[in-house]
C-alpha cells in the first residue's frame, strides 16, 4: 500500500521541488495553486505516506476518511494512518488547522503556508489534533 502512495507522490517529477535536508527526495506540487499538505511516515520527511490536495476536511481520525474528502487518503484513513505519520509539509498556499476535538471543535493548532514540521511530536500534534481542515490561501 505504501508503494502505491509513494508512486502517487512522485507522479509529477517535472516540476518537483527539493525538500530540506533530503537531497534525494522530491515533492511534486499539486497544480499551480500550491494548496496541499504532505504527510510522511518518518521524521524529517521520509518516507512519503500520503498527500491531500485542495480544500479538505477530516472530521475525525477515529473513523474512516470519507471518499469525498480525497481519493488519495480514502483507503488508508482512520486513526491508524494518522498515528503513524511523523512529519508534514504544508504547501505554499495552504493552511492546516487542527482541532483538539472531533468535528472541528476545541483548541486550534495552525500550521501555516510553506511550513515544514520535521517532527510532529515536537508540537504534540498527536495529542492536540483530533480533526483538521486544509484551507487554500489566495495567491
Protein backbone atom coordinates (compact mmCIF):
# COMPACT_ATOMS: atom_id res chain seq x y z
CA UNK A 1 0.00 0.00 0.00
CA UNK A 2 2.81 2.45 0.85
CA UNK A 3 4.42 1.66 -2.51
CA UNK A 4 1.30 2.88 -4.29
CA UNK A 5 1.26 6.07 -2.21
CA UNK A 6 4.92 6.70 -2.92
CA UNK A 7 4.21 6.31 -6.64
CA UNK A 8 1.39 8.86 -6.37
CA UNK A 9 3.70 11.36 -4.71
CA UNK A 10 6.26 11.06 -7.46
CA UNK A 11 3.80 11.25 -10.37
CA UNK A 12 4.84 14.78 -11.46
CA UNK A 13 8.65 14.91 -11.31
CA UNK A 14 8.99 17.59 -13.99
CA UNK A 15 8.08 20.39 -11.57
CA UNK A 16 9.30 18.86 -8.34
CA UNK A 17 10.88 20.84 -5.53
CA UNK A 18 13.66 19.67 -3.26
CA UNK A 19 12.79 19.03 0.37
CA UNK A 20 15.06 20.45 3.07
CA UNK A 21 17.69 18.02 4.31
CA UNK A 22 16.76 15.35 1.80
CA UNK A 23 18.93 15.60 -1.29
CA UNK A 24 17.27 12.64 -2.97
CA UNK A 25 13.61 13.25 -2.06
CA UNK A 26 11.34 15.39 -4.21
CA UNK A 27 7.84 16.64 -3.55
CA UNK A 28 5.62 17.21 -6.59
CA UNK A 29 3.41 20.28 -6.49
CA UNK A 30 -0.33 19.78 -6.98
CA UNK A 31 -1.34 22.13 -9.75
CA UNK A 32 -0.32 25.75 -9.82
CA UNK A 33 -2.28 26.60 -6.70
CA UNK A 34 0.13 25.20 -4.10
CA UNK A 35 -2.71 24.10 -1.83
CA UNK A 36 -1.69 20.74 -0.35
CA UNK A 37 -0.30 19.00 2.70
CA UNK A 38 2.11 16.08 2.52
CA UNK A 39 2.36 13.54 5.33
CA UNK A 40 5.46 11.44 5.95
CA UNK A 41 5.78 8.23 7.94
CA UNK A 42 9.18 9.11 9.39
CA UNK A 43 10.84 12.11 10.90
CA UNK A 44 12.48 14.62 8.58
CA UNK A 45 10.13 13.96 5.64
CA UNK A 46 10.87 10.31 4.80
CA UNK A 47 9.34 8.11 3.54
CA UNK A 48 6.31 9.74 1.89
CA UNK A 49 2.96 8.47 3.21
CA UNK A 50 0.18 10.47 1.53
CA UNK A 51 -0.82 13.87 0.25
CA UNK A 52 -4.05 15.87 0.34
CA UNK A 53 -4.57 18.50 -2.34
CA UNK A 54 -7.14 21.28 -2.33
CA UNK A 55 -9.57 22.23 0.41
CA UNK A 56 -10.08 19.18 2.60
CA UNK A 57 -11.82 18.30 5.86
CA UNK A 58 -11.14 15.34 8.13
CA UNK A 59 -13.86 15.25 10.81
CA UNK A 60 -12.22 12.62 12.98
CA UNK A 61 -9.12 10.46 12.95
CA UNK A 62 -11.04 7.69 14.71
CA UNK A 63 -13.26 6.92 11.73
CA UNK A 64 -12.59 6.10 8.12
CA UNK A 65 -11.95 9.11 5.94
CA UNK A 66 -14.92 9.58 3.57
CA UNK A 67 -14.20 9.03 -0.11
CA UNK A 68 -15.46 12.57 -0.76
CA UNK A 69 -12.51 14.03 1.15
CA UNK A 70 -9.78 12.96 -1.26
CA UNK A 71 -9.20 9.71 -3.12
CA UNK A 72 -5.52 9.75 -2.08
CA UNK A 73 -6.47 9.02 1.55
CA UNK A 74 -9.78 7.18 1.48
CA UNK A 75 -8.15 3.73 1.57
CA UNK A 76 -5.59 4.46 4.31
CA UNK A 77 -7.82 6.59 6.54
CA UNK A 78 -8.61 6.43 10.17
CA UNK A 79 -6.70 6.70 13.36
CA UNK A 80 -4.03 4.18 12.45
CA UNK A 81 -2.85 6.23 9.48
CA UNK A 82 -2.57 9.49 11.42
CA UNK A 83 -0.94 7.77 14.38
CA UNK A 84 1.80 6.61 12.01
CA UNK A 85 2.71 9.97 10.45
CA UNK A 86 5.70 11.72 11.96
CA UNK A 87 6.30 14.80 9.81
CA UNK A 88 4.46 17.01 7.34
CA UNK A 89 4.84 19.87 4.88
CA UNK A 90 2.12 22.42 4.15
CA UNK A 91 2.02 23.83 0.62
CA UNK A 92 2.89 27.47 -0.07
CA UNK A 93 -0.78 28.45 -0.48
CA UNK A 94 -2.38 26.26 2.19
CA UNK A 95 -3.13 26.47 5.90
CA UNK A 96 -3.66 23.37 8.05
CA UNK A 97 -5.87 23.98 11.07
CA UNK A 98 -6.04 21.14 13.58
CA UNK A 99 -8.72 20.93 16.25
CA UNK A 100 -8.48 19.32 19.68
CA UNK A 101 -11.83 17.55 19.30
CA UNK A 102 -13.73 15.77 16.55
CA UNK A 103 -15.89 17.78 14.14
CA UNK A 104 -13.64 20.86 14.19
CA UNK A 105 -14.14 21.82 17.81
CA UNK A 106 -11.76 22.63 20.63
CA UNK A 107 -8.38 24.33 20.67
CA UNK A 108 -6.78 25.05 17.34
CA UNK A 109 -3.28 24.24 16.14
CA UNK A 110 -2.41 26.20 13.00
CA UNK A 111 0.38 25.24 10.62
CA UNK A 112 0.76 28.00 8.06
CA UNK A 113 1.65 28.22 4.39
CA UNK A 114 5.01 26.75 3.45
CA UNK A 115 5.71 25.38 6.93
CA UNK A 116 7.76 22.21 7.44
CA UNK A 117 7.28 20.18 10.64
CA UNK A 118 10.11 17.65 10.78
CA UNK A 119 8.87 16.01 14.00
CA UNK A 120 5.15 16.13 14.86
CA UNK A 121 5.93 15.05 18.42
CA UNK A 122 7.70 18.40 18.96
CA UNK A 123 4.39 20.25 18.55
CA UNK A 124 2.38 17.49 20.28
CA UNK A 125 0.35 17.01 17.11
CA UNK A 126 -1.00 13.57 18.02
CA UNK A 127 -2.16 14.73 21.45
CA UNK A 128 -3.58 18.06 20.26
CA UNK A 129 -5.29 17.23 16.94
CA UNK A 130 -8.40 15.05 16.51
CA UNK A 131 -9.74 16.63 13.30
CA UNK A 132 -8.45 19.16 10.79
CA UNK A 133 -9.22 21.38 7.83
CA UNK A 134 -6.91 22.24 4.97
CA UNK A 135 -7.69 25.73 3.67
CA UNK A 136 -6.47 27.23 0.40
CA UNK A 137 -4.99 30.71 0.68
CA UNK A 138 -5.30 33.29 -2.08
CA UNK A 139 -2.22 33.64 -4.25
